[in-house]
Amino acid sequence: MNTLAMLKFTSIKKPTQQPAVMQRRAKLSKKLFEQIELAKAQRDGRSYSPTRLRRFKSIETGISQMIEAPKRIKPWWWTGQDGKLYLTIFYGSRALSFGKGKSAIEVGSSTDLLVALETVKKAVEIGELDNEIEAVSGALKANFKQ
């Protein structure tokens, strides 16, 4: 028991569920990771298509089974009329707003795209975009309550 005497014991329970803010951060961080991987793949001239499990029911036998199917990822960036790249950050199907009427980030070139995506991902993970995520999340919830 001398070995355990050095440890400090407490009576605390592990939470069964994360707070909503942490869940939203994790969701957006995961989507940003996919966008970063997609941008890296396009930069290197290869394709990126992660897989997910989908339920498939055979028409002939009627048996349902799980298969791996490619997941479609749409890029969040586009080229504007001025030739610069612009990046929009989405939470669900809505774009985050970074101020009044500002929903896009001017990236400039494809080399700066990865830097911008990684910067936004870090900001999400430390909680700098919690207010923007909360606003978009509330708008999405309002659509379901109609």
Protein backbone atom coordinates (compact mmCIF):
# COMPACT_ATOMS: atom_id res chain seq x y z
CA MET A 1 0.00 0.00 0.00
CA ASN A 2 3.04 2.28 0.26
CA THR A 3 3.11 2.68 -3.51
CA LEU A 4 -0.50 3.85 -3.68
CA ALA A 5 0.01 6.29 -0.83
CA MET A 6 1.69 8.69 -3.28
CA LEU A 7 -1.51 9.00 -5.35
CA LYS A 8 -4.38 11.36 -4.65
CA PHE A 9 -7.77 9.66 -4.84
CA THR A 10 -11.03 11.57 -5.44
CA SER A 11 -14.69 10.69 -5.82
CA ILE A 12 -15.58 12.25 -9.17
CA LYS A 13 -17.61 10.77 -12.01
CA LYS A 14 -16.65 10.92 -15.65
CA PRO A 15 -19.24 12.92 -17.61
CA THR A 16 -21.36 10.75 -19.88
CA GLN A 17 -21.82 13.43 -22.50
CA GLN A 18 -19.77 16.34 -23.82
CA PRO A 19 -21.20 19.85 -23.61
CA ALA A 20 -22.91 21.07 -26.79
CA VAL A 21 -20.12 23.58 -27.45
CA MET A 22 -17.50 20.83 -27.48
CA GLN A 23 -19.64 18.66 -29.77
CA ARG A 24 -20.00 21.53 -32.24
CA ARG A 25 -16.28 22.24 -32.18
CA ALA A 26 -15.51 18.57 -32.81
CA LYS A 27 -17.99 18.41 -35.70
CA LEU A 28 -16.55 21.48 -37.43
CA SER A 29 -12.98 20.38 -36.73
CA LYS A 30 -13.67 17.02 -38.39
CA LYS A 31 -15.10 18.73 -41.47
CA LEU A 32 -12.12 21.09 -41.63
CA PHE A 33 -9.78 18.09 -41.46
CA GLU A 34 -11.54 16.63 -44.51
CA GLN A 35 -11.20 19.94 -46.36
CA ILE A 36 -7.47 20.08 -45.52
CA GLU A 37 -6.97 16.56 -46.82
CA LEU A 38 -8.94 17.41 -49.99
CA ALA A 39 -6.80 20.52 -50.56
CA LYS A 40 -3.59 18.51 -50.05
CA ALA A 41 -4.80 15.88 -52.51
CA GLN A 42 -5.65 18.49 -55.15
CA ARG A 43 -2.27 20.16 -54.63
CA ASP A 44 -0.48 16.83 -55.15
CA GLY A 45 -2.64 15.86 -58.14
CA ARG A 46 -4.39 12.91 -56.53
CA SER A 47 -7.93 12.24 -55.41
CA TYR A 48 -9.22 12.10 -51.86
CA SER A 49 -12.37 10.18 -51.11
CA PRO A 50 -12.83 8.77 -47.62
CA THR A 51 -15.21 5.87 -47.19
CA ARG A 52 -18.17 5.43 -44.90
CA LEU A 53 -20.39 2.48 -44.08
CA ARG A 54 -23.78 2.46 -45.77
CA ARG A 55 -26.65 0.05 -45.47
CA PHE A 56 -27.41 -1.65 -48.78
CA LYS A 57 -30.45 -3.85 -49.38
CA SER A 58 -30.23 -6.34 -52.23
CA ILE A 59 -33.22 -6.21 -54.58
CA GLU A 60 -33.03 -9.90 -55.48
CA THR A 61 -32.58 -11.40 -52.02
CA GLY A 62 -33.92 -8.63 -49.79
CA ILE A 63 -30.97 -9.06 -47.44
CA SER A 64 -29.59 -5.91 -45.89
CA GLN A 65 -25.84 -5.56 -45.48
CA MET A 66 -23.26 -2.89 -44.70
CA ILE A 67 -20.89 -1.84 -47.48
CA GLU A 68 -18.12 0.75 -47.68
CA ALA A 69 -19.02 3.57 -50.04
CA PRO A 70 -17.03 6.66 -50.98
CA LYS A 71 -18.05 9.81 -49.16
CA ARG A 72 -18.62 12.83 -51.38
CA ILE A 73 -16.84 15.95 -50.19
CA LYS A 74 -17.49 19.30 -51.82
CA PRO A 75 -14.66 21.81 -51.65
CA TRP A 76 -15.43 24.94 -49.64
CA TRP A 77 -13.27 27.14 -51.86
CA TRP A 78 -13.79 28.60 -55.31
CA THR A 79 -12.12 30.96 -57.73
CA GLY A 80 -13.67 34.41 -58.00
CA GLN A 81 -13.92 36.59 -61.09
CA ASP A 82 -10.73 38.38 -60.09
CA GLY A 83 -8.76 35.09 -60.15
CA LYS A 84 -8.33 34.87 -56.38
CA LEU A 85 -9.39 31.92 -54.26
CA TYR A 86 -12.15 32.40 -51.70
CA LEU A 87 -12.97 30.10 -48.81
CA THR A 88 -16.30 29.73 -47.05
CA ILE A 89 -16.54 27.79 -43.78
CA PHE A 90 -19.74 25.75 -43.46
CA TYR A 91 -21.39 24.36 -40.35
CA GLY A 92 -23.96 21.92 -41.67
CA SER A 93 -25.43 23.53 -44.76
CA ARG A 94 -24.96 27.14 -43.58
CA ALA A 95 -21.93 29.37 -44.02
CA LEU A 96 -20.37 30.95 -40.96
CA SER A 97 -20.46 34.74 -40.91
CA PHE A 98 -17.33 36.57 -39.77
CA GLY A 99 -18.96 39.95 -39.47
CA LYS A 100 -21.78 41.80 -41.14
CA GLY A 101 -21.97 40.48 -44.70
CA LYS A 102 -18.58 38.74 -44.51
CA SER A 103 -18.95 35.02 -45.08
CA ALA A 104 -15.86 34.31 -47.19
CA ILE A 105 -12.13 34.43 -46.57
CA GLU A 106 -9.96 35.81 -49.37
CA VAL A 107 -7.18 33.29 -49.72
CA GLY A 108 -5.43 34.54 -52.84
CA SER A 109 -3.64 31.45 -54.13
CA SER A 110 -3.76 27.69 -53.69
CA THR A 111 -0.58 27.70 -51.59
CA ASP A 112 -2.26 29.95 -49.03
CA LEU A 113 -5.39 27.77 -48.96
CA LEU A 114 -3.87 25.12 -46.68
CA VAL A 115 -2.55 27.77 -44.31
CA ALA A 116 -5.98 29.40 -44.10
CA LEU A 117 -7.75 26.06 -43.49
CA GLU A 118 -5.30 25.05 -40.77
CA THR A 119 -5.58 28.48 -39.13
CA VAL A 120 -9.38 28.23 -39.05
CA LYS A 121 -9.14 24.68 -37.66
CA LYS A 122 -6.90 25.89 -34.81
CA ALA A 123 -9.30 28.76 -34.11
CA VAL A 124 -12.22 26.32 -33.92
CA GLU A 125 -10.38 23.97 -31.58
CA ILE A 126 -9.49 26.72 -29.09
CA GLY A 127 -13.00 28.17 -29.21
CA GLU A 128 -12.56 31.45 -31.08
CA LEU A 129 -15.51 30.72 -33.39
CA ASP A 130 -17.97 29.49 -30.75
CA ASN A 131 -20.29 32.48 -31.17
CA GLU A 132 -20.44 32.09 -34.96
CA ILE A 133 -21.06 28.34 -34.67
CA GLU A 134 -23.78 28.94 -32.07
CA ALA A 135 -25.54 31.46 -34.33
CA VAL A 136 -25.54 29.11 -37.31
CA SER A 137 -26.54 26.15 -35.16
CA GLY A 138 -29.49 28.10 -33.77
CA ALA A 139 -30.61 29.02 -37.28
CA LEU A 140 -30.43 25.37 -38.35
CA LYS A 141 -32.45 24.28 -35.30
CA ALA A 142 -35.09 26.91 -36.05
CA ASN A 143 -35.70 25.34 -39.47
CA PHE A 144 -36.51 21.99 -37.88
CA LYS A 145 -39.05 23.45 -35.44
CA GLN A 146 -41.34 24.84 -38.15
